[in-house]
Amino acid sequence: MNDIVMARTSLFRPPASPPASPPARQPASQPASPPAFANLITSFFLRKTWLKSHGVGMLD
């Protein structure tokens, strides 16, 4: 259980050292991608909805 918590929290930690080169800027014509956290939340709720609709009641 502790390994899972550590793995999940490490996703949100900033890198220990700064990147060697500055991050590349996106061109103004492309929309910014959604943050990774929003993707995680969305996938969690989609999974929960799918499990409920298929009769798996573990997440109530």
N, C-alpha and C. Protein backbone atom coordinates (compact mmCIF):
# COMPACT_ATOMS: atom_id res chain seq x y z
N MET A 1 0.83 -1.20 0.00
CA MET A 1 0.00 0.00 0.00
C MET A 1 0.87 1.26 0.00
N ASN A 2 1.91 1.25 0.83
CA ASN A 2 2.79 2.41 0.91
C ASN A 2 3.49 2.67 -0.42
N ASP A 3 3.83 1.59 -1.15
CA ASP A 3 4.46 1.75 -2.46
C ASP A 3 3.54 2.46 -3.43
N ILE A 4 2.24 2.14 -3.36
CA ILE A 4 1.26 2.77 -4.25
C ILE A 4 1.17 4.26 -3.95
N VAL A 5 1.10 4.60 -2.68
CA VAL A 5 1.01 6.01 -2.29
C VAL A 5 2.26 6.76 -2.76
N MET A 6 3.43 6.16 -2.57
CA MET A 6 4.67 6.81 -3.00
C MET A 6 4.71 6.98 -4.52
N ALA A 7 4.25 5.97 -5.24
CA ALA A 7 4.26 6.06 -6.70
C ALA A 7 3.31 7.16 -7.17
N ARG A 8 2.14 7.26 -6.54
CA ARG A 8 1.16 8.27 -6.95
C ARG A 8 1.64 9.67 -6.61
N THR A 9 2.22 9.86 -5.43
CA THR A 9 2.65 11.20 -5.05
C THR A 9 3.88 11.64 -5.84
N SER A 10 4.71 10.69 -6.26
CA SER A 10 5.90 11.08 -7.01
C SER A 10 5.54 11.64 -8.38
N LEU A 11 4.35 11.35 -8.88
CA LEU A 11 3.92 11.90 -10.16
C LEU A 11 3.78 13.41 -10.10
N PHE A 12 3.50 13.95 -8.91
CA PHE A 12 3.20 15.38 -8.79
C PHE A 12 4.37 16.18 -8.24
N ARG A 13 5.49 15.53 -7.97
CA ARG A 13 6.65 16.25 -7.46
C ARG A 13 7.40 16.91 -8.61
N PRO A 14 7.92 18.10 -8.39
CA PRO A 14 8.76 18.72 -9.43
C PRO A 14 10.07 17.95 -9.54
N PRO A 15 10.74 18.02 -10.66
CA PRO A 15 12.02 17.31 -10.81
C PRO A 15 13.04 17.82 -9.80
N ALA A 16 13.91 16.93 -9.35
CA ALA A 16 14.90 17.29 -8.33
C ALA A 16 15.91 18.31 -8.86
N SER A 17 16.28 18.20 -10.12
CA SER A 17 17.23 19.15 -10.70
C SER A 17 16.58 19.86 -11.88
N PRO A 18 16.96 21.09 -12.13
CA PRO A 18 16.37 21.80 -13.27
C PRO A 18 16.77 21.13 -14.59
N PRO A 19 15.95 21.22 -15.60
CA PRO A 19 16.30 20.62 -16.88
C PRO A 19 17.55 21.26 -17.47
N ALA A 20 18.29 20.48 -18.24
CA ALA A 20 19.55 20.96 -18.81
C ALA A 20 19.31 22.11 -19.79
N SER A 21 18.22 22.04 -20.54
CA SER A 21 17.91 23.11 -21.49
C SER A 21 16.54 23.68 -21.15
N PRO A 22 16.30 24.94 -21.49
CA PRO A 22 14.97 25.51 -21.21
C PRO A 22 13.90 24.76 -22.00
N PRO A 23 12.71 24.61 -21.45
CA PRO A 23 11.65 23.89 -22.16
C PRO A 23 11.27 24.61 -23.45
N ALA A 24 10.97 23.84 -24.46
CA ALA A 24 10.59 24.42 -25.75
C ALA A 24 9.20 25.04 -25.63
N ARG A 25 9.05 26.22 -26.19
CA ARG A 25 7.75 26.89 -26.14
C ARG A 25 6.87 26.36 -27.26
N GLN A 26 5.57 26.22 -26.95
CA GLN A 26 4.63 25.78 -27.97
C GLN A 26 4.31 26.94 -28.90
N PRO A 27 4.14 26.66 -30.18
CA PRO A 27 3.70 27.73 -31.08
C PRO A 27 2.31 28.22 -30.67
N ALA A 28 2.04 29.49 -30.93
CA ALA A 28 0.76 30.08 -30.51
C ALA A 28 -0.43 29.45 -31.22
N SER A 29 -0.20 28.83 -32.38
CA SER A 29 -1.32 28.27 -33.14
C SER A 29 -1.87 26.98 -32.53
N GLN A 30 -1.05 26.28 -31.73
CA GLN A 30 -1.50 25.03 -31.13
C GLN A 30 -2.07 25.31 -29.74
N PRO A 31 -3.22 24.71 -29.41
CA PRO A 31 -3.76 24.90 -28.06
C PRO A 31 -2.89 24.17 -27.03
N ALA A 32 -2.87 24.68 -25.84
CA ALA A 32 -2.09 24.04 -24.78
C ALA A 32 -2.75 22.72 -24.39
N SER A 33 -1.93 21.72 -24.10
CA SER A 33 -2.49 20.43 -23.68
C SER A 33 -2.97 20.56 -22.23
N PRO A 34 -4.01 19.80 -21.86
CA PRO A 34 -4.51 19.88 -20.49
C PRO A 34 -3.47 19.34 -19.51
N PRO A 35 -3.49 19.80 -18.28
CA PRO A 35 -2.51 19.32 -17.30
C PRO A 35 -2.66 17.83 -17.05
N ALA A 36 -1.58 17.21 -16.65
CA ALA A 36 -1.60 15.76 -16.38
C ALA A 36 -2.57 15.42 -15.26
N PHE A 37 -2.70 16.29 -14.27
CA PHE A 37 -3.60 16.00 -13.16
C PHE A 37 -5.05 15.91 -13.64
N ALA A 38 -5.45 16.79 -14.53
CA ALA A 38 -6.81 16.74 -15.07
C ALA A 38 -7.03 15.43 -15.82
N ASN A 39 -6.01 14.96 -16.53
CA ASN A 39 -6.13 13.68 -17.22
C ASN A 39 -6.31 12.54 -16.24
N LEU A 40 -5.59 12.57 -15.12
CA LEU A 40 -5.73 11.52 -14.11
C LEU A 40 -7.12 11.51 -13.51
N ILE A 41 -7.65 12.69 -13.18
CA ILE A 41 -8.98 12.78 -12.60
C ILE A 41 -10.02 12.28 -13.59
N THR A 42 -9.91 12.70 -14.84
CA THR A 42 -10.86 12.27 -15.86
C THR A 42 -10.83 10.76 -16.03
N SER A 43 -9.63 10.18 -16.12
CA SER A 43 -9.55 8.74 -16.32
C SER A 43 -10.10 7.99 -15.11
N PHE A 44 -9.90 8.53 -13.89
CA PHE A 44 -10.45 7.88 -12.70
C PHE A 44 -11.97 7.84 -12.76
N PHE A 45 -12.60 8.97 -13.08
CA PHE A 45 -14.06 9.00 -13.10
C PHE A 45 -14.63 8.19 -14.26
N LEU A 46 -13.94 8.17 -15.39
CA LEU A 46 -14.40 7.32 -16.50
C LEU A 46 -14.34 5.85 -16.10
N ARG A 47 -13.25 5.46 -15.43
CA ARG A 47 -13.12 4.07 -14.98
C ARG A 47 -14.19 3.73 -13.96
N LYS A 48 -14.44 4.63 -13.02
CA LYS A 48 -15.44 4.40 -11.99
C LYS A 48 -16.82 4.25 -12.63
N THR A 49 -17.15 5.10 -13.59
CA THR A 49 -18.44 5.02 -14.28
C THR A 49 -18.55 3.71 -15.05
N TRP A 50 -17.49 3.30 -15.71
CA TRP A 50 -17.51 2.05 -16.48
C TRP A 50 -17.72 0.86 -15.55
N LEU A 51 -17.02 0.86 -14.41
CA LEU A 51 -17.16 -0.26 -13.47
C LEU A 51 -18.58 -0.31 -12.90
N LYS A 52 -19.15 0.85 -12.58
CA LYS A 52 -20.52 0.87 -12.05
C LYS A 52 -21.50 0.36 -13.10
N SER A 53 -21.32 0.75 -14.35
CA SER A 53 -22.26 0.34 -15.39
C SER A 53 -22.13 -1.14 -15.71
N HIS A 54 -21.01 -1.74 -15.35
CA HIS A 54 -20.82 -3.17 -15.61
C HIS A 54 -21.03 -4.01 -14.36
N GLY A 55 -21.62 -3.44 -13.33
CA GLY A 55 -22.02 -4.19 -12.16
C GLY A 55 -20.93 -4.47 -11.15
N VAL A 56 -19.84 -3.75 -11.21
CA VAL A 56 -18.78 -3.93 -10.22
C VAL A 56 -19.00 -2.87 -9.15
N GLY A 57 -19.35 -3.28 -7.94
CA GLY A 57 -19.70 -2.32 -6.90
C GLY A 57 -18.60 -2.07 -5.90
N MET A 58 -17.35 -2.30 -6.25
CA MET A 58 -16.25 -2.12 -5.30
C MET A 58 -16.04 -0.66 -4.92
N LEU A 59 -16.34 0.27 -5.79
CA LEU A 59 -15.98 1.67 -5.57
C LEU A 59 -17.10 2.52 -4.99
N ASP A 60 -18.08 1.91 -4.38
CA ASP A 60 -19.20 2.68 -3.81
C ASP A 60 -18.77 3.42 -2.57
